[in-house]
Protein backbone atom coordinates (compact mmCIF):
# COMPACT_ATOMS: atom_id res chain seq x y z
CA MET A 1 0.00 0.00 0.00
CA ALA A 2 1.34 3.44 -0.95
CA ASP A 3 2.36 5.83 1.80
CA LYS A 4 -0.19 8.63 1.48
CA ALA A 5 2.01 11.12 3.33
CA LYS A 6 4.81 10.56 0.81
CA ASP A 7 2.38 10.96 -2.09
CA THR A 8 1.06 14.30 -0.81
CA PRO A 9 2.93 17.30 -2.23
CA LYS A 10 4.22 20.08 0.01
CA TYR A 11 2.11 23.22 -0.20
CA GLU A 12 3.50 26.70 0.41
CA LEU A 13 1.44 29.11 2.48
CA ALA A 14 0.81 32.50 0.89
CA ASN A 15 2.98 35.31 2.25
CA LYS A 16 2.21 38.99 2.75
CA GLU A 17 4.34 39.69 -0.35
CA ASP A 18 2.07 37.42 -2.42
CA PHE A 19 -1.00 39.45 -1.48
CA ASP A 20 0.81 42.75 -2.07
CA LYS A 21 1.94 41.58 -5.52
CA PHE A 22 -1.59 40.55 -6.37
CA ARG A 23 -2.91 44.00 -5.43
CA GLU A 24 -0.18 45.62 -7.52
CA TRP A 25 -1.18 43.39 -10.43
CA CYS A 26 -4.78 44.49 -10.02
CA GLU A 27 -3.73 48.15 -10.26
CA SER A 28 -1.35 47.68 -13.20
CA THR A 29 -2.26 49.34 -16.50
CA ALA A 30 0.55 48.38 -18.91
CA GLY A 31 -0.27 45.67 -21.43
CA TRP A 32 -4.00 45.42 -20.73
CA THR A 33 -6.55 45.76 -23.57
CA LYS A 34 -9.97 47.10 -22.61
CA GLN A 35 -12.82 44.84 -23.71
CA PHE A 36 -15.77 46.34 -21.84
CA ASP A 37 -16.26 49.83 -20.47
CA LYS A 38 -19.19 51.02 -18.39
CA GLU A 39 -19.25 53.43 -15.47
CA THR A 40 -19.65 50.67 -12.88
CA CYS A 41 -17.94 47.77 -14.68
CA LYS A 42 -14.79 47.50 -16.79
CA VAL A 43 -13.03 44.48 -18.29
CA TRP A 44 -9.50 44.12 -19.69
CA ASP A 45 -7.43 41.21 -20.91
CA THR A 46 -3.77 40.51 -21.57
CA LYS A 47 -1.44 37.67 -22.49
CA ASN A 48 1.47 36.07 -20.66
CA ASP A 49 3.82 33.13 -21.10
CA LYS A 50 1.95 30.76 -18.76
CA SER A 51 -0.71 29.78 -21.28
CA GLU A 52 -2.53 30.62 -24.50
CA ILE A 53 -5.45 31.44 -22.21
CA ASN A 54 -5.64 35.19 -21.62
CA VAL A 55 -5.60 36.84 -18.22
CA VAL A 56 -8.89 38.66 -17.67
CA LYS A 57 -9.26 41.55 -15.22
CA LEU A 58 -12.58 43.00 -14.11
CA TRP A 59 -13.27 46.05 -11.97
CA ALA A 60 -16.75 46.73 -10.66
CA LEU A 61 -18.51 49.10 -8.30
CA ILE A 62 -21.07 47.21 -6.27
CA LYS A 63 -23.45 49.70 -4.73
CA ASP A 64 -25.14 49.31 -1.35
CA VAL A 65 -22.98 46.32 -0.39
CA LYS A 66 -20.43 46.53 2.41
CA PRO A 67 -16.96 45.12 1.58
CA GLU A 68 -17.15 42.69 4.51
CA THR A 69 -20.46 41.35 3.17
CA LEU A 70 -19.05 40.70 -0.29
CA TYR A 71 -16.04 39.02 1.31
CA ASP A 72 -18.37 36.69 3.23
CA VAL A 73 -20.31 35.85 0.07
CA LEU A 74 -17.11 34.96 -1.80
CA HIS A 75 -16.19 32.60 1.04
CA ASP A 76 -19.44 31.01 2.18
CA PRO A 77 -19.73 27.55 0.53
CA GLU A 78 -23.31 26.95 1.69
CA TYR A 79 -24.50 30.24 0.22
CA ARG A 80 -22.60 29.56 -3.01
CA ALA A 81 -24.94 26.63 -3.58
CA VAL A 82 -27.88 29.06 -3.29
CA TRP A 83 -26.83 31.74 -5.77
CA ASP A 84 -24.59 29.80 -8.16
CA GLU A 85 -26.99 27.72 -10.26
CA ASN A 86 -24.10 26.10 -12.16
CA MET A 87 -22.46 24.68 -9.05
CA LEU A 88 -22.48 20.89 -8.71
CA GLU A 89 -20.22 20.33 -5.72
CA GLY A 90 -17.94 22.34 -3.47
CA TYR A 91 -16.08 21.16 -0.41
CA ASN A 92 -12.90 21.49 1.60
CA ILE A 93 -10.19 18.85 1.19
CA VAL A 94 -7.64 20.00 3.74
CA VAL A 95 -7.04 23.04 5.94
CA LEU A 96 -3.40 24.10 5.75
CA ASP A 97 -3.75 26.87 8.33
CA PRO A 98 -6.47 29.39 9.27
CA TYR A 99 -5.86 31.35 6.03
CA ASN A 100 -4.95 28.65 3.51
CA ASP A 101 -6.80 25.56 2.37
CA ILE A 102 -7.29 23.21 -0.56
CA GLY A 103 -10.76 22.72 -1.92
CA TYR A 104 -12.82 21.17 -4.69
CA TYR A 105 -15.36 22.90 -6.92
CA SER A 106 -17.33 21.54 -9.86
CA ALA A 107 -19.85 23.20 -12.14
CA LYS A 108 -22.12 22.12 -14.94
CA SER A 109 -21.63 23.69 -18.31
CA PRO A 110 -24.12 26.42 -19.28
CA VAL A 111 -23.82 25.11 -22.85
CA ALA A 112 -25.51 21.91 -24.02
CA MET A 113 -23.29 19.01 -25.14
CA VAL A 114 -20.30 20.36 -23.19
CA ALA A 115 -19.06 18.47 -20.13
CA GLY A 116 -18.90 20.12 -16.74
CA ARG A 117 -15.59 21.32 -15.29
CA ASP A 118 -14.00 20.90 -11.90
CA PHE A 119 -11.01 22.35 -10.09
CA CYS A 120 -8.75 21.38 -7.20
CA ASN A 121 -7.40 24.69 -5.90
CA GLN A 122 -5.22 25.97 -3.12
CA ARG A 123 -6.87 29.09 -1.75
CA SER A 124 -5.44 31.84 0.45
CA TRP A 125 -7.01 34.92 1.97
CA TYR A 126 -5.93 38.08 3.75
CA VAL A 127 -7.67 40.97 5.51
CA ASP A 128 -5.94 44.35 5.59
CA LYS A 129 -7.64 45.75 8.69
CA ASP A 130 -5.95 49.15 8.39
CA LYS A 131 -7.44 49.75 4.93
CA GLY A 132 -10.58 47.66 5.28
CA GLU A 133 -9.55 45.57 2.26
CA TYR A 134 -9.97 41.87 1.56
CA VAL A 135 -8.04 39.56 -0.77
CA ILE A 136 -8.78 35.97 -1.81
CA LYS A 137 -6.58 34.19 -4.33
CA ASN A 138 -6.22 30.66 -5.64
CA TYR A 139 -4.37 28.44 -8.08
CA SER A 140 -4.71 24.79 -9.03
CA VAL A 141 -2.74 22.04 -7.31
CA LEU A 142 -2.62 18.26 -7.27
CA HIS A 143 -3.83 16.40 -4.20
CA PRO A 144 -4.27 12.64 -3.64
CA ASP A 145 -7.75 13.19 -2.16
CA CYS A 146 -8.86 15.11 -5.23
CA PRO A 147 -8.65 12.72 -8.19
CA GLU A 148 -10.23 13.47 -11.54
CA LYS A 149 -13.83 12.28 -11.91
CA LYS A 150 -15.47 10.46 -14.78
CA GLY A 151 -17.68 12.66 -16.95
CA ILE A 152 -16.12 15.94 -15.75
CA VAL A 153 -13.10 17.66 -17.30
CA ARG A 154 -10.45 18.86 -14.83
CA GLY A 155 -9.71 22.54 -15.40
CA TRP A 156 -6.61 24.42 -14.27
CA SER A 157 -6.41 27.82 -12.58
CA PHE A 158 -3.04 29.48 -13.14
CA GLN A 159 -4.20 32.24 -10.81
CA THR A 160 -7.55 33.68 -9.85
CA GLY A 161 -8.20 36.30 -7.22
CA TYR A 162 -10.52 38.89 -5.74
CA TRP A 163 -9.65 42.24 -4.18
CA VAL A 164 -12.52 43.92 -2.30
CA ARG A 165 -12.20 47.55 -1.22
CA PRO A 166 -14.49 50.02 0.54
CA HIS A 167 -16.20 52.74 -1.51
CA LYS A 168 -18.48 55.59 -0.49
CA GLU A 169 -21.34 53.95 -2.42
CA GLY A 170 -20.64 50.40 -1.24
CA CYS A 171 -17.53 48.52 -2.32
CA THR A 172 -15.40 47.79 -5.36
CA LEU A 173 -14.26 44.41 -6.62
CA THR A 174 -11.23 43.73 -8.77
CA TYR A 175 -11.30 40.20 -10.13
CA ILE A 176 -8.43 38.61 -12.07
CA THR A 177 -8.48 35.15 -13.57
CA GLN A 178 -6.40 32.99 -15.87
CA ALA A 179 -8.05 29.58 -15.93
CA ASP A 180 -7.94 26.92 -18.62
CA PRO A 181 -11.13 24.81 -18.87
CA ARG A 182 -9.14 22.30 -20.93
CA GLY A 183 -10.92 19.65 -22.96
CA TRP A 184 -11.72 20.23 -26.62
CA ILE A 185 -12.81 23.88 -26.31
CA PRO A 186 -10.50 26.04 -28.51
CA LYS A 187 -8.33 28.52 -26.60
CA TRP A 188 -9.50 31.45 -28.77
CA LEU A 189 -13.12 30.67 -27.91
CA THR A 190 -12.34 30.46 -24.20
CA ASN A 191 -10.65 33.88 -24.39
CA LYS A 192 -13.62 35.42 -26.18
CA VAL A 193 -16.27 33.94 -23.93
CA THR A 194 -14.46 34.78 -20.66
CA SER A 195 -14.16 38.49 -21.49
CA LYS A 196 -17.78 38.73 -22.64
CA TYR A 197 -19.21 36.67 -19.78
CA ALA A 198 -17.38 38.46 -16.95
CA PRO A 199 -19.83 41.41 -16.52
CA SER A 200 -22.80 39.05 -16.08
CA ILE A 201 -20.97 37.40 -13.17
CA ILE A 202 -20.93 40.73 -11.37
CA GLU A 203 -24.68 41.23 -11.77
CA LYS A 204 -25.29 37.83 -10.22
CA LEU A 205 -22.74 38.39 -7.44
CA ALA A 206 -24.14 41.84 -6.57
CA LYS A 207 -27.65 40.44 -6.24
CA ALA A 208 -26.36 37.57 -4.10
CA ALA A 209 -24.46 39.98 -1.82
CA LYS A 210 -27.53 42.14 -1.22
CA ASN A 211 -29.55 39.08 -0.19
CA TYR A 212 -26.82 37.52 1.95
CA PRO A 213 -27.39 39.26 5.34
CA ASP A 214 -31.03 38.13 5.50
CA TRP A 215 -30.15 34.60 4.35
CA LYS A 216 -27.27 34.27 6.82
CA LYS A 217 -29.47 35.22 9.77
CA ASP A 218 -31.28 31.90 9.36
CA HIS A 219 -28.26 29.79 8.35
CA LYS A 220 -25.65 29.48 11.09
CA PRO A 221 -25.01 33.22 11.45
CA GLU A 222 -21.97 32.69 13.70
CA ASN A 223 -20.36 30.13 11.40
CA LYS A 224 -17.73 32.12 9.49
CA PRO A 225 -14.46 30.17 9.84
CA TRP A 226 -12.76 32.43 7.30
CA LEU A 227 -12.85 35.23 9.89
CA SER A 228 -10.10 33.77 12.04
CA THR A 229 -8.48 35.85 14.76
CA GLU A 230 -5.27 33.83 14.59
CA PRO A 231 -2.14 35.72 13.48
CA TYR A 232 -0.90 35.12 9.94
CA HIS A 233 2.03 32.75 9.76
CA TRP A 234 4.43 35.57 8.86
CA GLU A 235 3.39 37.43 12.02
CA LYS A 236 4.26 34.57 14.36
CA SER A 237 7.51 34.52 16.29
CA THR A 238 10.22 31.93 15.65
CA SER A 239 9.42 30.18 18.94
CA GLU A 240 5.73 29.87 18.05
CA LYS A 241 6.59 28.39 14.66
CA SER A 242 8.97 25.88 16.27
CA LYS A 243 6.28 24.75 18.71
CA GLU A 244 3.74 24.31 15.91
CA LYS A 245 6.25 22.39 13.79
CA LYS A 246 7.07 20.07 16.71
CA LYS A 247 3.37 19.56 17.48
CA LYS A 248 2.66 18.67 13.84
CA LYS A 249 5.61 16.26 13.75
CA ASN A 250 4.39 14.46 16.89
CA LYS A 251 0.90 14.26 15.42
CA ASP A 252 2.21 12.70 12.20
């Protein structure tokens, strides 16, 4: 029998620098081509050397929604099943620490005769309390407890992330994604559809965010594990890290 521990890759926890770089990427302007331009929603795309799949960036003003509410909506797996009609399954595979985990998500295709897609992603999140900002980012990984499933094509996220900021009218969301659905779908078609489809995601998300407070009142209102009060791993002292490492070793 194979040793599962040996088969499990090592996963790096996101650092403060990773979140700062993501926010800088969100604010970058060089190399982006604007594909959609409205007062409350804008979409750009660009290319890089990771894939033929374009990177898509969306900025949106979501009125009458607090940033902390939108952050909760982006996290809450039970509520995702309520507002995301394409979702098939979503669950946690392993918790790496209070701000990093690996999870599974699958969705049916909105197009007939096209198989659904699923993803196994490592996700990280960070709250900048001084600025009232929230960041969630993910990328695909391999995990022994997340094998590919028959009838569903395994997609790959090179990087996807959300940056939520306060605004006098509510909050703003910057969303960046570079994800390959794989399968037989041509790369050029994926690029075209992603840029055109992005604004409709915001409409759905904004509606979901406005309904969330009332829904959450009746669905485990205190259950928000993503709002941990634990310090981030880069904030911990060397002695604390040594104790945690020793505790983990003894547990293994």
